[in-house]
């Protein structure tokens, strides 16, 4: 979704939020897939995707929990999940994203940057380990 996010992000206004509706998803993001017989997320997802462009111009995709106790009434679910007014904590979510923005990775928040930092093998020690391993085998 990285390239799609870059392309979409260019046309979004700064400090704006958009609900990723099913029609948009199937037209521009998952255009090679057929729309679900029910509705996207009714069987496997627990939240709605949103696009958020911060005041600094970075674009994020985040998922907010569906504001329904269940998904039994598919018509109500389909009509209500894309209505941003149903998500009472949306302002808190966007403030949290803005608070944790960082420059280490493109459009990353601090927890993601930390995950990259502590799970990736750095070049110098990683190359030394590979050198030692290859020398011991040869």
Protein backbone atom coordinates (compact mmCIF):
# COMPACT_ATOMS: atom_id res chain seq x y z
CA UNK A 1 0.00 0.00 0.00
CA UNK A 2 3.08 2.26 0.21
CA UNK A 3 3.00 3.46 -3.39
CA UNK A 4 -0.77 3.87 -3.36
CA UNK A 5 -0.48 5.86 -0.14
CA UNK A 6 2.12 8.16 -1.70
CA UNK A 7 -0.07 8.78 -4.73
CA UNK A 8 -3.22 9.35 -2.68
CA UNK A 9 -1.36 11.48 -0.12
CA UNK A 10 -0.41 14.02 -2.77
CA UNK A 11 -4.04 14.91 -3.34
CA UNK A 12 -5.05 15.14 0.34
CA UNK A 13 -5.14 18.45 2.19
CA UNK A 14 -2.91 18.80 5.24
CA UNK A 15 -4.59 18.26 8.59
CA UNK A 16 -7.43 16.21 7.08
CA UNK A 17 -8.90 12.77 7.66
CA UNK A 18 -10.82 10.50 5.31
CA UNK A 19 -12.68 7.27 5.86
CA UNK A 20 -11.56 4.57 3.43
CA UNK A 21 -14.90 3.50 1.97
CA UNK A 22 -15.39 0.19 0.18
CA UNK A 23 -16.04 1.79 -3.22
CA UNK A 24 -12.76 3.74 -3.00
CA UNK A 25 -10.85 0.67 -1.77
CA UNK A 26 -12.01 -1.51 -4.68
CA UNK A 27 -11.57 1.23 -7.30
CA UNK A 28 -8.10 2.55 -6.36
CA UNK A 29 -6.38 0.16 -3.94
CA UNK A 30 -7.61 -3.41 -4.40
CA UNK A 31 -8.71 -2.85 -7.99
CA UNK A 32 -7.64 -6.37 -8.99
CA UNK A 33 -10.06 -7.96 -6.51
CA UNK A 34 -13.80 -8.35 -6.70
CA UNK A 35 -15.85 -6.57 -4.06
CA UNK A 36 -16.96 -8.81 -1.23
CA UNK A 37 -20.46 -10.28 -1.41
CA UNK A 38 -21.14 -8.74 2.01
CA UNK A 39 -18.99 -5.71 2.79
CA UNK A 40 -15.28 -5.24 3.40
CA UNK A 41 -14.38 -6.14 6.96
CA UNK A 42 -17.65 -7.77 7.94
CA UNK A 43 -16.07 -11.20 8.33
CA UNK A 44 -12.46 -10.62 9.33
CA UNK A 45 -11.75 -7.05 10.41
CA UNK A 46 -12.32 -5.32 13.75
CA UNK A 47 -11.93 -1.74 12.60
CA UNK A 48 -12.30 0.83 9.85
CA UNK A 49 -9.33 2.18 7.87
CA UNK A 50 -8.77 5.93 7.79
CA UNK A 51 -6.35 8.09 5.82
CA UNK A 52 -4.89 10.96 7.82
CA UNK A 53 -2.63 13.69 6.52
CA UNK A 54 -0.98 15.57 9.36
CA UNK A 55 -0.32 19.28 9.50
CA UNK A 56 3.32 18.52 8.67
CA UNK A 57 2.21 16.81 5.44
CA UNK A 58 2.81 13.15 6.33
CA UNK A 59 0.12 10.64 5.37
CA UNK A 60 -0.87 7.73 7.61
CA UNK A 61 -3.32 4.87 7.40
CA UNK A 62 -4.76 3.78 10.71
CA UNK A 63 -7.50 1.50 11.87
CA UNK A 64 -10.17 2.52 14.40
CA UNK A 65 -12.40 -0.06 16.11
CA UNK A 66 -15.86 -0.37 14.61
CA UNK A 67 -18.41 1.52 16.73
CA UNK A 68 -20.86 -1.40 16.77
CA UNK A 69 -21.43 -4.10 19.36
CA UNK A 70 -21.70 -6.67 16.54
CA UNK A 71 -21.98 -6.96 12.76
CA UNK A 72 -25.22 -8.94 12.63
CA UNK A 73 -27.19 -6.22 10.83
CA UNK A 74 -25.08 -6.02 7.65
CA UNK A 75 -27.05 -3.10 6.21
CA UNK A 76 -26.47 -0.97 9.32
CA UNK A 77 -22.84 -2.07 9.41
CA UNK A 78 -22.28 -1.22 5.73
CA UNK A 79 -23.89 2.22 6.08
CA UNK A 80 -22.44 3.12 9.47
CA UNK A 81 -18.82 1.93 9.30
CA UNK A 82 -17.82 4.63 6.80
CA UNK A 83 -19.50 7.47 8.69
CA UNK A 84 -16.74 9.30 10.55
CA UNK A 85 -19.29 10.79 12.96
CA UNK A 86 -19.78 7.30 14.44
CA UNK A 87 -16.15 7.27 15.67
CA UNK A 88 -16.23 9.38 18.82
CA UNK A 89 -12.50 8.99 19.60
CA UNK A 90 -11.20 9.96 16.16
CA UNK A 91 -9.70 13.21 17.48
CA UNK A 92 -7.71 11.31 20.13
CA UNK A 93 -6.39 8.90 17.48
CA UNK A 94 -5.18 11.68 15.21
CA UNK A 95 -3.57 13.63 18.08
CA UNK A 96 -1.72 10.47 19.10
CA UNK A 97 -0.40 10.00 15.58
CA UNK A 98 0.75 13.63 15.44
CA UNK A 99 2.43 13.31 18.84
CA UNK A 100 4.36 10.23 17.73
CA UNK A 101 5.39 11.31 14.22
CA UNK A 102 9.09 10.94 13.54
CA UNK A 103 11.55 11.59 10.72
CA UNK A 104 13.48 8.33 10.99
CA UNK A 105 11.29 6.53 8.45
CA UNK A 106 8.92 7.98 5.89
CA UNK A 107 5.47 8.50 7.38
CA UNK A 108 6.39 6.54 10.51
CA UNK A 109 5.42 6.95 14.11
CA UNK A 110 7.83 6.36 17.00
CA UNK A 111 6.65 2.82 17.90
CA UNK A 112 7.16 1.69 14.29
CA UNK A 113 10.60 3.33 14.14
CA UNK A 114 11.56 1.58 17.38
CA UNK A 115 10.35 -1.75 16.01
CA UNK A 116 12.55 -1.26 12.93
CA UNK A 117 15.52 -0.26 15.06
CA UNK A 118 15.38 -3.23 17.39
CA UNK A 119 14.50 -5.92 14.87
CA UNK A 120 16.84 -5.03 12.01
CA UNK A 121 20.46 -6.19 11.85
CA UNK A 122 22.72 -3.20 11.39
CA UNK A 123 25.19 -3.25 8.52
CA UNK A 124 28.48 -3.21 10.44
CA UNK A 125 27.89 -5.92 13.08
CA UNK A 126 25.78 -7.91 10.65
CA UNK A 127 28.52 -8.00 8.02
CA UNK A 128 31.14 -8.98 10.64
CA UNK A 129 28.99 -11.88 11.81
CA UNK A 130 28.54 -13.06 8.23
CA UNK A 131 32.32 -12.76 7.61
CA UNK A 132 33.12 -14.82 10.73
CA UNK A 133 30.49 -17.40 9.84
CA UNK A 134 31.73 -17.80 6.27
CA UNK A 135 35.40 -18.00 7.37
CA UNK A 136 34.60 -20.69 9.95
CA UNK A 137 32.82 -22.79 7.35
CA UNK A 138 35.55 -22.44 4.72
